[in-house]
Amino acid sequence: MKNYITFGSPSIGSEEINAVVKCMKSGWIGTGPQVKKFENNFAKYSKSMYAMAVGSCTAALHLSLNSTELNNGDEVIVPAMTFCSTINSVIHSGYKPVLADVDLHTMNIDPIDIEKKITKKTKALVIVHFAGRPCDMDEILKIVKKYNLILIEDCAHAIESTYKGKHCGTFGLYGCFSFYVTKNLVTAEGGMIISNNKEKVTPIKQRALHGMSKDAWKRFSDNGYKHYDIIDAGFKYNMTDIQASIGLEQLKKIKKHLNIRNKIWNKYQSFFKDYDVISPAKVEKNTIHAKHLYTILIDKKKIGLHRDQFMMKLHKNGIGTGVHYRSIPSHTFYKTKFKWKNSDYKNSSLIGDQTVSLPLSPNLKDSDLDRILSTIEKVLKN
């Protein structure tokens, strides 16, 4: 469709293109010096001691959970409204996922429901800073300390997010980030694990690349070739220098892009004051919201349209939207495997049925935003 406004369009400029060309001309496009530089720069940005670049946030979550070396069947609490990779990473690590409902106001995991779900088998907690809004870390850390839980942060939406001056991803044992094509920092595919635990860093880096003692870049030096050893049954989860070269340029623009998304967010907030939809809650004091998603809730009883009908009308007018997310119990696999029911997770179920994510890319022009808002106005008034 001509002039279609794509949801989550990445902002790629000449800097990223030139960086990729330079990387390709260098003759080294696999895991090498650009990945190392990206790791160092991201660690500095997030104020963490260590950063490990990987192929995706899913890989980051899997490696993080896998490294905890819990026993098969140990329970890990996760939010009932999140992307499937949060849950699947627990399953693939041999642990049992236990769902906690989210708060209807913030859409983040509810600390009250977390505590209700804790048993003697509960060993870890994976939280998601949904849409870029930091979770209630004061309450969550109290629970983590009280029950001696391992905390892993899913920061796929939360690259820029901070809570009381501290970067999200630095509260737990690991923070896991996504650089997927729709994210605030893009490497097409890619992810990062950050940690302040020195003992965990080397094993995770080795496990991310087949369990090899040295990657290809480190096997060659001025002193000649050095053999690698397989010291673990690892995975193929590494990032490439081509991806890292994009990430290094994107990292330079992260503040600029956040400022643009803030302006778009504020225009949306002002617009929806006049309509009977639920718009995002105000940003909590002493936090930075990454503004990764702008989500509204469409209640058919109030608007006369179901969420899917609303999305289709926007689509027919050349505007892309997204759903983040259907509740986990609504998916066939989880219903069948774990017997989870939407009725047991009322907030996640309601959000999953009503949520719509609107375009929030720094690529949006003023004319694009005007078109989006005028189209929504027509749809809601008809």
Protein backbone atom coordinates (compact mmCIF):
# COMPACT_ATOMS: atom_id res chain seq x y z
CA MET A 1 0.00 0.00 0.00
CA LYS A 2 1.42 3.36 -1.04
CA ASN A 3 2.33 5.73 1.85
CA TYR A 4 1.60 3.02 4.41
CA ILE A 5 2.81 3.98 7.89
CA THR A 6 4.60 0.87 9.10
CA PHE A 7 4.40 0.04 12.79
CA GLY A 8 7.83 0.04 14.41
CA SER A 9 9.77 1.30 11.40
CA PRO A 10 13.51 1.36 12.27
CA SER A 11 15.42 4.63 11.99
CA ILE A 12 18.48 3.78 9.91
CA GLY A 13 20.67 6.56 8.54
CA SER A 14 23.78 6.93 6.44
CA GLU A 15 25.94 6.42 9.53
CA GLU A 16 24.70 2.85 10.02
CA ILE A 17 24.94 2.08 6.30
CA ASN A 18 28.50 3.39 6.09
CA ALA A 19 29.47 1.44 9.22
CA VAL A 20 28.19 -1.81 7.70
CA VAL A 21 30.03 -1.16 4.42
CA LYS A 22 33.23 -0.42 6.33
CA CYS A 23 32.81 -3.63 8.32
CA MET A 24 32.27 -5.69 5.19
CA LYS A 25 35.30 -4.17 3.47
CA SER A 26 37.42 -4.97 6.53
CA GLY A 27 37.11 -8.67 5.77
CA TRP A 28 35.92 -9.45 9.30
CA ILE A 29 32.15 -9.75 9.50
CA GLY A 30 31.74 -12.47 12.16
CA THR A 31 32.15 -12.08 15.91
CA GLY A 32 35.18 -9.83 16.35
CA PRO A 33 36.40 -6.35 17.30
CA GLN A 34 33.14 -4.50 16.57
CA VAL A 35 31.24 -6.84 18.89
CA LYS A 36 33.79 -6.24 21.62
CA LYS A 37 33.55 -2.48 21.17
CA PHE A 38 29.75 -2.62 21.22
CA GLU A 39 29.83 -4.65 24.44
CA ASN A 40 32.16 -2.14 26.08
CA ASN A 41 30.09 0.84 24.98
CA PHE A 42 26.82 -0.72 26.07
CA ALA A 43 28.26 -1.64 29.47
CA LYS A 44 29.35 1.95 29.89
CA TYR A 45 25.94 3.25 28.80
CA SER A 46 24.01 0.97 31.15
CA LYS A 47 26.51 1.46 33.98
CA SER A 48 27.08 -2.26 34.32
CA MET A 49 30.39 -4.03 34.81
CA TYR A 50 29.96 -6.56 32.00
CA ALA A 51 28.03 -6.82 28.74
CA MET A 52 27.78 -9.85 26.46
CA ALA A 53 26.39 -9.43 22.94
CA VAL A 54 24.24 -12.27 21.64
CA GLY A 55 21.96 -13.07 18.71
CA SER A 56 18.66 -12.01 20.32
CA CYS A 57 16.96 -11.18 23.60
CA THR A 58 15.54 -14.70 23.51
CA ALA A 59 19.10 -16.03 23.46
CA ALA A 60 19.96 -13.67 26.31
CA LEU A 61 17.07 -14.96 28.42
CA HIS A 62 17.85 -18.59 27.66
CA LEU A 63 21.55 -18.20 28.48
CA SER A 64 20.73 -16.31 31.68
CA LEU A 65 18.25 -18.90 32.92
CA ASN A 66 20.46 -21.77 31.77
CA SER A 67 23.38 -20.38 33.75
CA THR A 68 21.44 -20.38 37.02
CA GLU A 69 21.81 -24.18 37.07
CA LEU A 70 18.62 -24.77 38.99
CA ASN A 71 17.14 -28.25 39.21
CA ASN A 72 14.69 -29.55 36.64
CA GLY A 73 11.19 -28.68 37.76
CA ASP A 74 12.22 -25.70 39.90
CA GLU A 75 9.69 -22.90 39.55
CA VAL A 76 10.32 -19.54 37.89
CA ILE A 77 7.69 -16.82 38.16
CA VAL A 78 6.98 -14.81 35.01
CA PRO A 79 4.28 -12.29 34.00
CA ALA A 80 1.08 -13.59 32.41
CA MET A 81 1.27 -10.87 29.76
CA THR A 82 4.53 -10.88 27.86
CA PHE A 83 6.06 -12.15 24.64
CA CYS A 84 6.36 -15.92 24.37
CA SER A 85 10.17 -15.92 24.56
CA THR A 86 10.03 -14.98 28.24
CA ILE A 87 8.09 -18.17 28.95
CA ASN A 88 9.83 -20.38 26.40
CA SER A 89 13.26 -19.57 27.83
CA VAL A 90 12.12 -20.97 31.18
CA ILE A 91 10.74 -24.11 29.52
CA HIS A 92 13.86 -24.72 27.42
CA SER A 93 16.01 -24.40 30.53
CA GLY A 94 14.12 -27.30 32.12
CA TYR A 95 12.28 -25.22 34.70
CA LYS A 96 8.58 -24.77 35.41
CA PRO A 97 7.06 -21.38 34.54
CA VAL A 98 4.52 -20.01 37.01
CA LEU A 99 2.40 -17.06 35.93
CA ALA A 100 1.72 -13.94 37.98
CA ASP A 101 -0.86 -11.41 36.81
CA VAL A 102 0.05 -7.87 35.82
CA ASP A 103 -1.12 -4.56 37.24
CA LEU A 104 -3.90 -3.09 35.11
CA HIS A 105 -2.56 0.44 35.60
CA THR A 106 1.13 -0.10 34.75
CA MET A 107 0.81 -3.40 32.81
CA ASN A 108 3.91 -4.60 34.68
CA ILE A 109 4.02 -7.73 36.82
CA ASP A 110 2.10 -7.24 40.08
CA PRO A 111 4.30 -7.67 43.19
CA ILE A 112 1.26 -8.70 45.23
CA ASP A 113 0.49 -11.54 42.85
CA ILE A 114 4.17 -12.54 42.70
CA GLU A 115 4.16 -13.23 46.41
CA LYS A 116 0.91 -15.21 46.15
CA LYS A 117 2.54 -17.57 43.65
CA ILE A 118 5.68 -18.35 45.65
CA THR A 119 6.10 -21.94 46.88
CA LYS A 120 8.98 -23.97 48.28
CA LYS A 121 9.97 -24.77 44.68
CA THR A 122 10.19 -21.12 43.59
CA LYS A 123 13.81 -20.30 42.82
CA ALA A 124 13.77 -17.42 40.36
CA LEU A 125 11.76 -14.48 39.07
CA VAL A 126 11.78 -13.01 35.57
CA ILE A 127 10.28 -9.53 35.34
CA VAL A 128 9.47 -7.55 32.19
CA HIS A 129 9.72 -3.77 32.10
CA PHE A 130 6.71 -3.56 29.80
CA ALA A 131 6.67 -0.90 27.07
CA GLY A 132 9.72 0.68 28.70
CA ARG A 133 8.06 1.42 32.05
CA PRO A 134 10.26 0.28 34.97
CA CYS A 135 8.69 -2.26 37.29
CA ASP A 136 8.15 -1.41 40.96
CA MET A 137 11.71 -2.38 41.90
CA ASP A 138 11.45 -1.44 45.57
CA GLU A 139 8.66 -3.96 46.13
CA ILE A 140 10.19 -6.59 43.85
CA LEU A 141 13.59 -6.41 45.54
CA LYS A 142 11.91 -6.87 48.93
CA ILE A 143 10.35 -10.10 47.65
CA VAL A 144 13.62 -11.26 46.07
CA LYS A 145 15.46 -10.73 49.36
CA LYS A 146 12.71 -12.23 51.53
CA TYR A 147 12.55 -15.49 49.54
CA ASN A 148 16.17 -15.59 48.33
CA LEU A 149 15.20 -15.58 44.64
CA ILE A 150 17.35 -15.15 41.56
CA LEU A 151 16.16 -12.08 39.66
CA ILE A 152 16.44 -11.77 35.88
CA GLU A 153 15.22 -8.64 34.10
CA ASP A 154 13.68 -8.83 30.63
CA CYS A 155 14.62 -5.40 29.31
CA ALA A 156 13.58 -5.95 25.69
CA HIS A 157 11.55 -2.71 25.89
CA ALA A 158 13.72 -0.91 28.40
CA ILE A 159 17.07 0.10 26.91
CA GLU A 160 16.84 3.67 28.23
CA SER A 161 14.75 2.93 31.33
CA THR A 162 15.94 3.84 34.81
CA TYR A 163 14.44 3.48 38.28
CA LYS A 164 15.52 6.05 40.86
CA GLY A 165 18.65 6.81 38.84
CA LYS A 166 19.65 3.17 38.27
CA HIS A 167 19.44 1.51 34.87
CA CYS A 168 16.96 -1.30 34.43
CA GLY A 169 18.86 -4.52 33.94
CA THR A 170 21.29 -3.78 36.78
CA PHE A 171 18.99 -4.76 39.67
CA GLY A 172 19.08 -8.51 39.11
CA LEU A 173 21.71 -11.11 38.35
CA TYR A 174 21.19 -10.43 34.64
CA GLY A 175 19.54 -7.86 32.41
CA CYS A 176 18.49 -9.02 28.93
CA PHE A 177 18.03 -6.57 26.05
CA SER A 178 16.64 -6.77 22.52
CA PHE A 179 17.91 -5.01 19.40
CA TYR A 180 15.25 -6.44 17.11
CA VAL A 181 14.17 -4.36 14.12
CA THR A 182 11.29 -2.65 16.00
CA LYS A 183 13.23 -1.87 19.16
CA ASN A 184 14.62 1.48 20.37
CA LEU A 185 18.14 0.41 19.40
CA VAL A 186 18.30 -1.71 16.26
CA THR A 187 20.82 -4.25 14.97
CA ALA A 188 18.17 -6.06 12.83
CA GLU A 189 18.49 -9.07 15.13
CA GLY A 190 20.52 -9.08 18.30
CA GLY A 191 20.56 -8.84 22.05
CA MET A 192 22.72 -8.16 25.09
CA ILE A 193 23.17 -9.58 28.57
CA ILE A 194 24.51 -7.28 31.27
CA SER A 195 25.69 -8.35 34.71
CA ASN A 196 27.80 -7.25 37.63
CA ASN A 197 28.67 -10.85 38.52
CA LYS A 198 32.21 -11.59 37.31
CA GLU A 199 31.97 -15.34 37.90
CA LYS A 200 29.06 -15.70 35.47
CA VAL A 201 30.48 -13.71 32.56
CA THR A 202 33.06 -16.07 31.04
CA PRO A 203 30.88 -19.21 31.20
CA ILE A 204 27.97 -17.36 29.53
CA LYS A 205 30.18 -15.98 26.75
CA GLN A 206 31.57 -19.46 26.12
CA ARG A 207 28.14 -21.08 26.21
CA ALA A 208 26.87 -18.51 23.70
CA LEU A 209 29.37 -19.81 21.12
CA HIS A 210 29.26 -23.60 21.19
CA GLY A 211 31.02 -23.80 24.57
CA MET A 212 34.32 -22.88 22.92
CA SER A 213 37.17 -21.60 25.04
CA LYS A 214 38.06 -18.96 22.41
CA ASP A 215 36.12 -17.38 19.58
CA ALA A 216 37.68 -17.03 16.13
CA TRP A 217 38.94 -13.50 16.74
CA LYS A 218 40.85 -14.58 19.84
CA ARG A 219 42.35 -17.68 18.19
CA PHE A 220 44.57 -15.54 15.99
CA SER A 221 47.27 -13.24 17.37
CA ASP A 222 50.76 -11.94 16.64
CA ASN A 223 52.06 -15.14 18.21
CA GLY A 224 50.14 -17.33 15.78
CA TYR A 225 47.19 -19.68 16.02
CA LYS A 226 45.88 -20.96 19.34
CA HIS A 227 43.66 -24.03 19.53
CA TYR A 228 40.24 -23.77 21.12
CA ASP A 229 38.76 -26.31 23.47
CA ILE A 230 35.11 -27.29 23.96
CA ILE A 231 34.49 -26.92 27.67
CA ASP A 232 30.69 -26.91 27.68
CA ALA A 233 27.72 -28.02 25.55
CA GLY A 234 26.94 -24.56 24.25
CA PHE A 235 24.68 -22.85 21.75
CA LYS A 236 25.05 -20.76 18.59
CA TYR A 237 23.94 -17.45 20.08
CA ASN A 238 26.72 -15.03 19.08
CA MET A 239 26.36 -11.58 17.53
CA THR A 240 28.25 -10.61 14.37
CA ASP A 241 30.41 -7.56 13.69
CA ILE A 242 27.96 -6.45 11.00
CA GLN A 243 25.21 -6.26 13.61
CA ALA A 244 27.50 -4.63 16.16
CA SER A 245 28.59 -1.96 13.67
CA ILE A 246 24.94 -0.92 13.34
CA GLY A 247 24.49 -1.01 17.11
CA LEU A 248 27.47 1.24 17.72
CA GLU A 249 25.94 3.96 15.53
CA GLN A 250 22.48 3.45 17.00
CA LEU A 251 23.87 3.85 20.50
CA LYS A 252 25.12 7.32 19.59
CA LYS A 253 21.57 8.35 18.63
CA ILE A 254 19.73 6.83 21.56
CA LYS A 255 19.09 10.10 23.41
CA LYS A 256 18.00 11.89 20.24
CA HIS A 257 15.57 9.11 19.35
CA LEU A 258 14.12 9.03 22.87
CA ASN A 259 13.46 12.77 22.68
CA ILE A 260 11.52 12.26 19.44
CA ARG A 261 9.47 9.42 20.93
CA ASN A 262 8.74 11.58 23.99
CA LYS A 263 7.22 14.26 21.74
CA ILE A 264 5.10 11.70 19.88
CA TRP A 265 4.02 10.12 23.18
CA ASN A 266 2.96 13.51 24.58
CA LYS A 267 0.89 14.28 21.47
CA TYR A 268 -0.89 10.95 21.81
CA GLN A 269 -1.55 11.57 25.50
CA SER A 270 -3.03 14.99 24.80
CA PHE A 271 -5.18 13.65 21.96
CA PHE A 272 -6.71 10.74 23.87
CA LYS A 273 -7.90 12.93 26.75
CA ASP A 274 -10.97 13.61 24.62
CA TYR A 275 -11.80 9.96 23.95
CA ASP A 276 -13.15 7.11 26.02
CA VAL A 277 -10.10 4.88 25.72
CA ILE A 278 -7.56 3.96 28.37
CA SER A 279 -4.21 5.53 27.53
CA PRO A 280 -0.90 4.76 29.27
CA ALA A 281 -0.50 5.78 32.89
CA LYS A 282 1.64 8.78 33.73
CA VAL A 283 5.33 8.11 34.09
CA GLU A 284 6.22 7.47 37.72
CA LYS A 285 8.45 9.97 39.54
CA ASN A 286 12.18 9.22 39.69
CA THR A 287 12.00 6.97 36.63
CA ILE A 288 12.82 7.21 32.95
CA HIS A 289 10.31 5.47 30.69
CA ALA A 290 11.93 4.22 27.47
CA LYS A 291 8.73 4.94 25.51
CA HIS A 292 9.12 1.79 23.45
CA LEU A 293 5.38 1.28 23.05
CA TYR A 294 2.35 3.53 23.17
CA THR A 295 -0.58 1.28 24.01
CA ILE A 296 -4.26 2.09 24.39
CA LEU A 297 -7.13 -0.14 25.51
CA ILE A 298 -10.18 -0.32 23.26
CA ASP A 299 -13.32 -1.35 25.15
CA LYS A 300 -16.07 -2.40 22.73
CA LYS A 301 -18.76 -1.47 25.26
CA LYS A 302 -17.51 2.11 25.29
CA ILE A 303 -16.32 2.56 21.70
CA GLY A 304 -18.64 0.25 19.79
CA LEU A 305 -15.66 -1.45 18.14
CA HIS A 306 -13.63 -4.46 19.15
CA ARG A 307 -9.87 -3.95 19.23
CA ASP A 308 -9.40 -6.04 16.08
CA GLN A 309 -12.02 -4.01 14.20
CA PHE A 310 -10.27 -0.80 15.24
CA MET A 311 -6.93 -2.13 13.99
CA MET A 312 -8.42 -3.22 10.67
CA LYS A 313 -9.95 0.20 10.06
CA LEU A 314 -6.56 1.83 10.65
CA HIS A 315 -4.92 -0.75 8.39
CA LYS A 316 -7.35 0.00 5.56
CA ASN A 317 -6.38 3.66 5.93
CA GLY A 318 -2.68 2.86 5.62
CA ILE A 319 -1.69 2.83 9.31
CA GLY A 320 0.03 -0.14 10.91
CA THR A 321 -0.53 -1.12 14.54
CA GLY A 322 0.56 -3.92 16.86
CA VAL A 323 -0.69 -6.05 19.75
CA HIS A 324 1.56 -6.29 22.82
CA TYR A 325 0.44 -8.78 23.90
CA ARG A 326 -2.22 -11.41 23.96
CA SER A 327 -2.11 -12.98 27.41
CA ILE A 328 0.04 -16.09 27.71
CA PRO A 329 -2.92 -18.34 28.76
CA SER A 330 -4.77 -17.40 25.55
CA HIS A 331 -2.27 -19.26 23.36
CA THR A 332 -3.00 -22.86 22.36
CA PHE A 333 0.33 -24.36 23.47
CA TYR A 334 0.23 -22.96 27.00
CA LYS A 335 -3.45 -23.78 27.49
CA THR A 336 -2.78 -27.36 26.47
CA LYS A 337 0.58 -27.83 28.20
CA PHE A 338 -0.07 -26.10 31.54
CA LYS A 339 -3.88 -25.90 31.66
CA TRP A 340 -3.67 -22.15 32.24
CA LYS A 341 -6.93 -20.22 32.00
CA ASN A 342 -7.46 -16.57 31.18
CA SER A 343 -10.02 -16.35 33.98
CA ASP A 344 -7.20 -16.85 36.50
CA TYR A 345 -5.30 -13.80 35.17
CA LYS A 346 -7.99 -11.19 34.79
CA ASN A 347 -5.81 -8.13 34.15
CA SER A 348 -3.60 -9.89 31.61
CA SER A 349 -6.69 -11.26 29.89
CA LEU A 350 -8.41 -7.87 29.69
CA ILE A 351 -5.29 -6.16 28.38
CA GLY A 352 -4.63 -8.94 25.89
CA ASP A 353 -8.13 -8.56 24.47
CA GLN A 354 -8.18 -4.76 24.29
CA THR A 355 -4.62 -3.50 23.76
CA VAL A 356 -3.41 -1.74 20.61
CA SER A 357 0.07 -0.34 20.08
CA LEU A 358 0.28 2.76 17.90
CA PRO A 359 3.27 3.84 15.76
CA LEU A 360 6.01 5.42 17.89
CA SER A 361 9.04 5.39 15.61
CA PRO A 362 11.49 8.31 15.49
CA ASN A 363 10.98 8.01 11.72
CA LEU A 364 7.49 9.50 12.03
CA LYS A 365 7.11 12.92 10.46
CA ASP A 366 4.71 15.54 11.80
CA SER A 367 2.51 14.90 8.76
CA ASP A 368 2.48 11.17 9.58
CA LEU A 369 1.38 11.81 13.14
CA ASP A 370 -1.31 14.26 11.99
CA ARG A 371 -2.61 11.60 9.61
CA ILE A 372 -2.63 8.95 12.34
CA LEU A 373 -4.56 11.16 14.74
CA SER A 374 -7.07 12.39 12.15
CA THR A 375 -7.73 8.79 11.07
CA ILE A 376 -8.23 7.64 14.66
CA GLU A 377 -10.59 10.56 15.21
CA LYS A 378 -12.74 9.51 12.24
CA VAL A 379 -12.76 5.87 13.31
CA LEU A 380 -13.73 6.64 16.92
CA LYS A 381 -16.48 9.12 15.95
CA ASN A 382 -18.16 6.86 13.36
